[in-house]
Amino acid sequence: MGDVIHALPSVTDIAEHYPEAKVDWVVEENFAELPTLHPGVGKVIPVAVRRWRRNILARSSWREMAAFRRMIQATDYDLIIDNQGLLKSAAIAHLAHGPRCGYDRASAREPLASFVYDRNIKVERDLHAVERNRLLVGRALGYVPGESVDYGIAAPALSLPWMPSGRYVVLLHATSRADKEWPEADWLALAARLNSQGLGCILPWGAVHEQERSERLAKQIANAVVPPRLNLTQAAALLGGAEAVVGVDTGLTHLAAALKVPVVALYCASDPGLTGVYASGPAVNLGRAGQVPQLAEVSAALEKVMQR
């Protein structure tokens, strides 16, 4: 999800410099809702590489792969940009009709991907992922991206019956690895402080064990809501209406920052330097590998971003 969100500002840049341009986007099926939030994206073409790999012998997988190939080859493109720099993304770019460009060997995450492109572009490796995306696309199309970062998306207006009527903060405790989690005791203490300020707490989840944690925490928090499992459009609506979001290293934390919601991102087992939350709105990254953010600094940071 992070790769998709990091690429959104590039579409805003394209629309600014080439207002008549049409942008199609190939994206993993689980994240296909995200590009649709950007008005500069035309056709979204879902791909299911992860699922196909798991079921490579199934006839249904081969039928879907053939259908995907027909879909991506239905248009002759003026330019195909691979902004991931991976072998799998380069292979997909190779299927499409049109000149291909991407990172050069020294810039790509997987250097062999560079041999697929008709044009290789050098982009510095020590930049944030958002800026690497923007520079790649800008250099491919002949413009220099501006200083401000605009993800170009807004929270959809949805009626969610379980949503609280009052002000709330979203607590994103769920992440892909146990070592990235923030201690439950700290979540409870932070929630108590938010409750004392008249703020409710919403605890989304994705997997069953995350739902169990949300429910366990909610039982100990006043004015807490555990929503049903959300799709990405519903999650964007939830995040967009929040007073603030506190989240661990997970895609929804980046989505909140992209929506310009005040965000405090917690890094307990990874470094945020090149892939932390990055936005023009009020957002701050705390912690790094081996240094878990402390409750006091998280509370102070949250108060600061909510005052901006």
Protein backbone atom coordinates (compact mmCIF):
# COMPACT_ATOMS: atom_id res chain seq x y z
CA MET A 1 0.00 0.00 0.00
CA GLY A 2 2.83 2.37 0.79
CA ASP A 3 4.22 2.16 -2.75
CA VAL A 4 0.81 3.12 -4.16
CA ILE A 5 0.39 6.08 -1.82
CA HIS A 6 3.95 7.29 -2.46
CA ALA A 7 3.19 7.45 -6.19
CA LEU A 8 0.04 9.59 -5.92
CA PRO A 9 1.85 13.00 -5.89
CA SER A 10 3.38 12.13 -9.27
CA VAL A 11 -0.11 12.07 -10.78
CA THR A 12 -0.79 15.52 -9.30
CA ASP A 13 2.45 16.76 -10.87
CA ILE A 14 1.50 15.32 -14.27
CA ALA A 15 -1.91 17.00 -14.13
CA GLU A 16 -0.24 20.32 -13.31
CA HIS A 17 2.26 20.19 -16.18
CA TYR A 18 0.16 18.29 -18.73
CA PRO A 19 -3.52 18.98 -17.98
CA GLU A 20 -4.68 16.98 -21.01
CA ALA A 21 -2.69 13.87 -20.11
CA LYS A 22 -4.52 10.61 -19.43
CA VAL A 23 -3.01 8.36 -16.80
CA ASP A 24 -3.78 4.66 -16.47
CA TRP A 25 -2.48 2.81 -13.41
CA VAL A 26 -1.61 -0.86 -12.97
CA VAL A 27 -1.97 -1.80 -9.30
CA GLU A 28 -2.26 -4.92 -7.14
CA GLU A 29 -5.93 -5.82 -6.81
CA ASN A 30 -5.97 -5.36 -3.01
CA PHE A 31 -5.07 -1.68 -3.42
CA ALA A 32 -7.04 -0.86 -6.56
CA GLU A 33 -9.38 1.48 -4.67
CA LEU A 34 -6.60 3.94 -3.85
CA PRO A 35 -5.81 5.29 -7.35
CA THR A 36 -9.54 5.82 -7.96
CA LEU A 37 -9.49 8.50 -5.25
CA HIS A 38 -7.28 10.68 -7.47
CA PRO A 39 -9.17 12.64 -10.16
CA GLY A 40 -6.10 12.54 -12.42
CA VAL A 41 -6.26 8.77 -12.80
CA GLY A 42 -8.28 7.41 -15.70
CA LYS A 43 -8.37 3.63 -15.96
CA VAL A 44 -7.24 1.48 -13.05
CA ILE A 45 -5.97 -1.92 -14.19
CA PRO A 46 -5.87 -4.44 -11.33
CA VAL A 47 -3.21 -7.13 -11.31
CA ALA A 48 -3.05 -10.13 -8.98
CA VAL A 49 0.60 -11.20 -9.02
CA ARG A 50 0.57 -12.28 -5.37
CA ARG A 51 -2.55 -14.42 -5.73
CA TRP A 52 -1.45 -15.89 -9.06
CA ARG A 53 1.86 -16.96 -7.55
CA ARG A 54 0.06 -18.84 -4.79
CA ASN A 55 -2.20 -20.60 -7.33
CA ILE A 56 0.09 -20.86 -10.32
CA LEU A 57 -1.23 -24.28 -11.41
CA ALA A 58 -4.90 -23.28 -11.31
CA ARG A 59 -6.64 -22.79 -14.66
CA SER A 60 -8.44 -19.77 -13.24
CA SER A 61 -5.10 -18.05 -12.62
CA TRP A 62 -4.02 -18.57 -16.23
CA ARG A 63 -7.37 -17.30 -17.52
CA GLU A 64 -7.03 -14.19 -15.36
CA MET A 65 -3.45 -13.62 -16.51
CA ALA A 66 -4.55 -13.84 -20.13
CA ALA A 67 -7.39 -11.38 -19.48
CA PHE A 68 -4.96 -9.00 -17.77
CA ARG A 69 -2.60 -9.17 -20.73
CA ARG A 70 -5.43 -8.34 -23.14
CA MET A 71 -6.48 -5.40 -20.96
CA ILE A 72 -3.01 -3.87 -20.64
CA GLN A 73 -2.36 -4.30 -24.37
CA ALA A 74 -5.65 -2.74 -25.44
CA THR A 75 -4.05 0.74 -25.50
CA ASP A 76 -0.98 2.04 -27.31
CA TYR A 77 0.66 4.29 -24.72
CA ASP A 78 2.84 7.31 -25.40
CA LEU A 79 4.93 6.39 -22.36
CA ILE A 80 5.04 3.57 -19.81
CA ILE A 81 6.72 4.40 -16.49
CA ASP A 82 7.72 1.71 -14.02
CA ASN A 83 8.03 3.59 -10.75
CA GLN A 84 8.77 0.52 -8.59
CA GLY A 85 11.97 -0.66 -10.18
CA LEU A 86 11.29 -4.33 -9.42
CA LEU A 87 11.55 -7.33 -11.72
CA LYS A 88 7.82 -8.04 -11.40
CA SER A 89 6.86 -4.43 -12.20
CA ALA A 90 9.33 -4.32 -15.09
CA ALA A 91 7.80 -7.53 -16.47
CA ILE A 92 4.36 -5.92 -16.37
CA ALA A 93 5.71 -2.80 -18.09
CA HIS A 94 7.19 -5.06 -20.78
CA LEU A 95 3.72 -6.40 -21.59
CA ALA A 96 2.27 -2.96 -22.34
CA HIS A 97 2.54 -1.36 -25.78
CA GLY A 98 4.69 1.77 -25.87
CA PRO A 99 8.14 3.08 -24.94
CA ARG A 100 9.17 2.06 -21.44
CA CYS A 101 11.24 3.98 -18.95
CA GLY A 102 12.31 3.47 -15.36
CA TYR A 103 15.19 3.77 -12.93
CA ASP A 104 18.71 3.09 -14.15
CA ARG A 105 20.73 0.21 -12.75
CA ALA A 106 22.16 2.26 -9.88
CA SER A 107 18.76 3.68 -8.93
CA ALA A 108 16.42 0.68 -9.18
CA ARG A 109 15.50 -1.39 -6.13
CA GLU A 110 16.25 -4.48 -8.22
CA PRO A 111 18.97 -3.46 -10.72
CA LEU A 112 18.13 -6.16 -13.29
CA ALA A 113 14.79 -4.42 -13.87
CA SER A 114 16.63 -1.61 -15.65
CA PHE A 115 17.39 -3.86 -18.65
CA VAL A 116 13.69 -3.98 -19.56
CA TYR A 117 13.37 -0.23 -20.14
CA ASP A 118 13.98 1.65 -23.36
CA ARG A 119 15.16 4.63 -21.33
CA ASN A 120 16.93 4.55 -17.97
CA ILE A 121 16.71 7.47 -15.57
CA LYS A 122 19.05 8.21 -12.69
CA VAL A 123 17.36 9.18 -9.43
CA GLU A 124 19.24 9.62 -6.19
CA ARG A 125 18.84 6.70 -3.75
CA ASP A 126 19.00 8.77 -0.55
CA LEU A 127 15.70 10.59 -1.13
CA HIS A 128 12.28 9.85 0.35
CA ALA A 129 10.22 7.44 -1.75
CA VAL A 130 7.74 10.21 -2.62
CA GLU A 131 10.48 12.42 -4.04
CA ARG A 132 12.08 9.53 -5.92
CA ASN A 133 8.74 8.89 -7.59
CA ARG A 134 8.23 12.55 -8.41
CA LEU A 135 11.71 12.96 -9.85
CA LEU A 136 11.48 9.78 -11.93
CA VAL A 137 8.21 10.88 -13.53
CA GLY A 138 9.33 14.50 -13.90
CA ARG A 139 12.58 13.52 -15.61
CA ALA A 140 10.72 11.09 -17.85
CA LEU A 141 8.29 13.80 -18.96
CA GLY A 142 10.67 16.77 -18.97
CA TYR A 143 9.62 18.90 -16.00
CA VAL A 144 10.91 19.69 -12.52
CA PRO A 145 8.44 18.92 -9.71
CA GLY A 146 7.55 21.81 -7.43
CA GLU A 147 8.46 22.01 -3.77
CA SER A 148 5.01 21.31 -2.33
CA VAL A 149 3.70 17.76 -2.13
CA ASP A 150 0.06 17.15 -3.03
CA TYR A 151 -1.30 13.61 -3.03
CA GLY A 152 -4.38 14.87 -4.87
CA ILE A 153 -6.92 12.82 -2.95
CA ALA A 154 -9.79 13.68 -0.63
CA ALA A 155 -11.76 11.55 1.77
CA PRO A 156 -14.92 10.20 0.10
CA ALA A 157 -18.23 11.28 1.61
CA LEU A 158 -19.70 8.05 2.95
CA SER A 159 -22.42 7.36 5.47
CA LEU A 160 -21.05 4.78 7.89
CA PRO A 161 -23.74 3.82 10.42
CA TRP A 162 -21.30 2.83 13.15
CA MET A 163 -19.44 6.15 13.07
CA PRO A 164 -19.60 8.19 16.30
CA SER A 165 -21.37 11.54 16.19
CA GLY A 166 -18.66 13.32 18.16
CA ARG A 167 -14.99 14.11 17.58
CA TYR A 168 -12.64 11.15 17.39
CA VAL A 169 -9.04 10.05 16.93
CA VAL A 170 -8.16 6.91 14.98
CA LEU A 171 -5.67 4.55 16.65
CA LEU A 172 -3.93 2.33 14.09
CA HIS A 173 -2.34 -0.38 16.24
CA ALA A 174 -2.28 -3.12 13.56
CA THR A 175 0.80 -3.77 11.47
CA SER A 176 2.43 -6.59 9.53
CA ARG A 177 5.03 -7.58 12.15
CA ALA A 178 4.87 -8.02 15.89
CA ASP A 179 8.10 -6.06 16.41
CA LYS A 180 6.47 -3.01 14.80
CA GLU A 181 3.68 -2.92 17.37
CA TRP A 182 3.42 -0.26 20.08
CA PRO A 183 2.77 -1.60 23.61
CA GLU A 184 -0.89 -2.05 24.51
CA ALA A 185 -0.38 -0.31 27.85
CA ASP A 186 0.74 2.82 25.99
CA TRP A 187 -2.31 2.69 23.69
CA LEU A 188 -4.55 2.55 26.75
CA ALA A 189 -2.78 5.44 28.46
CA LEU A 190 -2.92 7.55 25.30
CA ALA A 191 -6.62 6.77 24.86
CA ALA A 192 -7.31 7.83 28.47
CA ARG A 193 -5.70 11.20 27.74
CA LEU A 194 -7.80 11.58 24.60
CA ASN A 195 -10.96 10.68 26.53
CA SER A 196 -10.14 13.39 29.07
CA GLN A 197 -10.20 15.88 26.18
CA GLY A 198 -13.65 14.73 25.05
CA LEU A 199 -12.33 12.68 22.14
CA GLY A 200 -13.51 9.20 21.22
CA CYS A 201 -11.19 6.50 19.89
CA ILE A 202 -11.73 4.27 16.85
CA LEU A 203 -9.64 1.12 16.47
CA PRO A 204 -9.72 -0.35 12.92
CA TRP A 205 -8.40 -3.82 12.16
CA GLY A 206 -7.64 -6.08 9.22
CA ALA A 207 -6.88 -9.62 10.40
CA VAL A 208 -8.70 -11.68 13.04
CA HIS A 209 -5.95 -11.29 15.65
CA GLU A 210 -6.02 -7.53 15.08
CA GLN A 211 -9.77 -7.51 15.61
CA GLU A 212 -9.24 -9.35 18.89
CA ARG A 213 -6.72 -6.72 19.99
CA SER A 214 -9.07 -3.88 18.98
CA GLU A 215 -11.88 -5.43 21.03
CA ARG A 216 -9.56 -6.08 23.98
CA LEU A 217 -8.38 -2.48 23.99
CA ALA A 218 -11.86 -1.05 23.42
CA LYS A 219 -13.18 -2.80 26.53
CA GLN A 220 -10.76 -0.70 28.56
CA ILE A 221 -11.34 2.62 26.77
CA ALA A 222 -14.29 4.92 27.33
CA ASN A 223 -16.13 5.99 24.16
CA ALA A 224 -14.28 3.51 21.94
CA VAL A 225 -15.55 2.02 18.67
CA VAL A 226 -14.35 -1.13 16.92
CA PRO A 227 -15.64 -0.82 13.35
CA PRO A 228 -16.44 -3.73 11.03
CA ARG A 229 -13.72 -4.72 8.60
CA LEU A 230 -13.24 -1.80 6.21
CA ASN A 231 -12.38 -1.60 2.57
CA LEU A 232 -9.92 1.13 1.56
CA THR A 233 -12.63 3.58 0.47
CA GLN A 234 -14.34 3.25 3.85
CA ALA A 235 -11.00 3.55 5.62
CA ALA A 236 -10.28 6.78 3.74
CA ALA A 237 -13.65 8.17 4.82
CA LEU A 238 -12.94 7.23 8.44
CA LEU A 239 -9.44 8.72 8.42
CA GLY A 240 -10.54 11.87 6.62
CA GLY A 241 -13.07 12.72 9.33
CA ALA A 242 -10.69 12.23 12.26
CA GLU A 243 -9.30 14.97 14.46
CA ALA A 244 -6.00 13.10 14.26
CA VAL A 245 -4.49 9.68 13.61
CA VAL A 246 -1.85 7.85 15.64
CA GLY A 247 -0.51 4.84 13.83
CA VAL A 248 2.31 2.36 13.65
CA ASP A 249 4.26 1.61 10.47
CA THR A 250 1.35 0.61 8.26
CA GLY A 251 -0.22 1.73 5.00
CA LEU A 252 -3.24 3.40 6.60
CA THR A 253 -0.94 5.75 8.52
CA HIS A 254 0.47 6.92 5.18
CA LEU A 255 -3.05 7.24 3.80
CA ALA A 256 -4.02 9.51 6.69
CA ALA A 257 -1.02 11.74 5.97
CA ALA A 258 -1.95 11.83 2.28
CA LEU A 259 -5.42 13.06 3.30
CA LYS A 260 -3.76 15.90 5.27
CA VAL A 261 -5.09 14.65 8.60
CA PRO A 262 -2.85 15.40 11.61
CA VAL A 263 -0.71 12.27 12.00
CA VAL A 264 1.76 10.88 14.52
CA ALA A 265 3.52 7.85 13.05
CA LEU A 266 5.20 5.39 15.41
CA TYR A 267 8.28 3.44 14.30
CA CYS A 268 9.36 0.69 16.68
CA ALA A 269 11.40 -1.63 14.45
CA SER A 270 12.14 0.33 11.27
CA ASP A 271 13.64 3.68 10.32
CA PRO A 272 11.32 6.32 8.84
CA GLY A 273 14.01 8.26 6.99
CA LEU A 274 13.23 7.22 3.40
CA THR A 275 9.74 5.75 3.80
CA GLY A 276 8.17 7.52 6.79
CA VAL A 277 5.01 9.61 6.55
CA TYR A 278 5.67 12.50 4.20
CA ALA A 279 3.11 15.19 3.63
CA SER A 280 2.45 18.89 3.41
CA GLY A 281 -0.05 18.55 6.26
CA PRO A 282 0.73 18.25 9.98
CA ALA A 283 2.60 14.97 10.41
CA VAL A 284 5.50 13.71 12.49
CA ASN A 285 7.52 10.48 12.63
CA LEU A 286 8.66 9.19 16.02
CA GLY A 287 11.05 6.36 16.89
CA ARG A 288 13.28 4.12 14.82
CA ALA A 289 14.64 0.59 14.84
CA GLY A 290 15.52 -0.26 18.43
CA GLN A 291 14.01 2.93 19.83
CA VAL A 292 10.31 2.61 20.69
CA PRO A 293 8.52 5.99 20.98
CA GLN A 294 7.68 6.85 24.58
CA LEU A 295 4.18 7.79 25.69
CA ALA A 296 5.18 11.29 26.77
CA GLU A 297 6.71 12.19 23.40
CA VAL A 298 3.78 10.69 21.51
CA SER A 299 1.31 12.72 23.59
CA ALA A 300 3.33 15.90 23.09
CA ALA A 301 3.62 15.31 19.34
CA LEU A 302 -0.08 14.61 19.04
CA GLU A 303 -0.98 17.81 20.86
CA LYS A 304 1.35 19.76 18.58
CA VAL A 305 0.02 18.41 15.27
CA MET A 306 -3.59 18.90 16.39
CA GLN A 307 -2.89 22.58 17.06
CA ARG A 308 -1.61 23.31 13.53
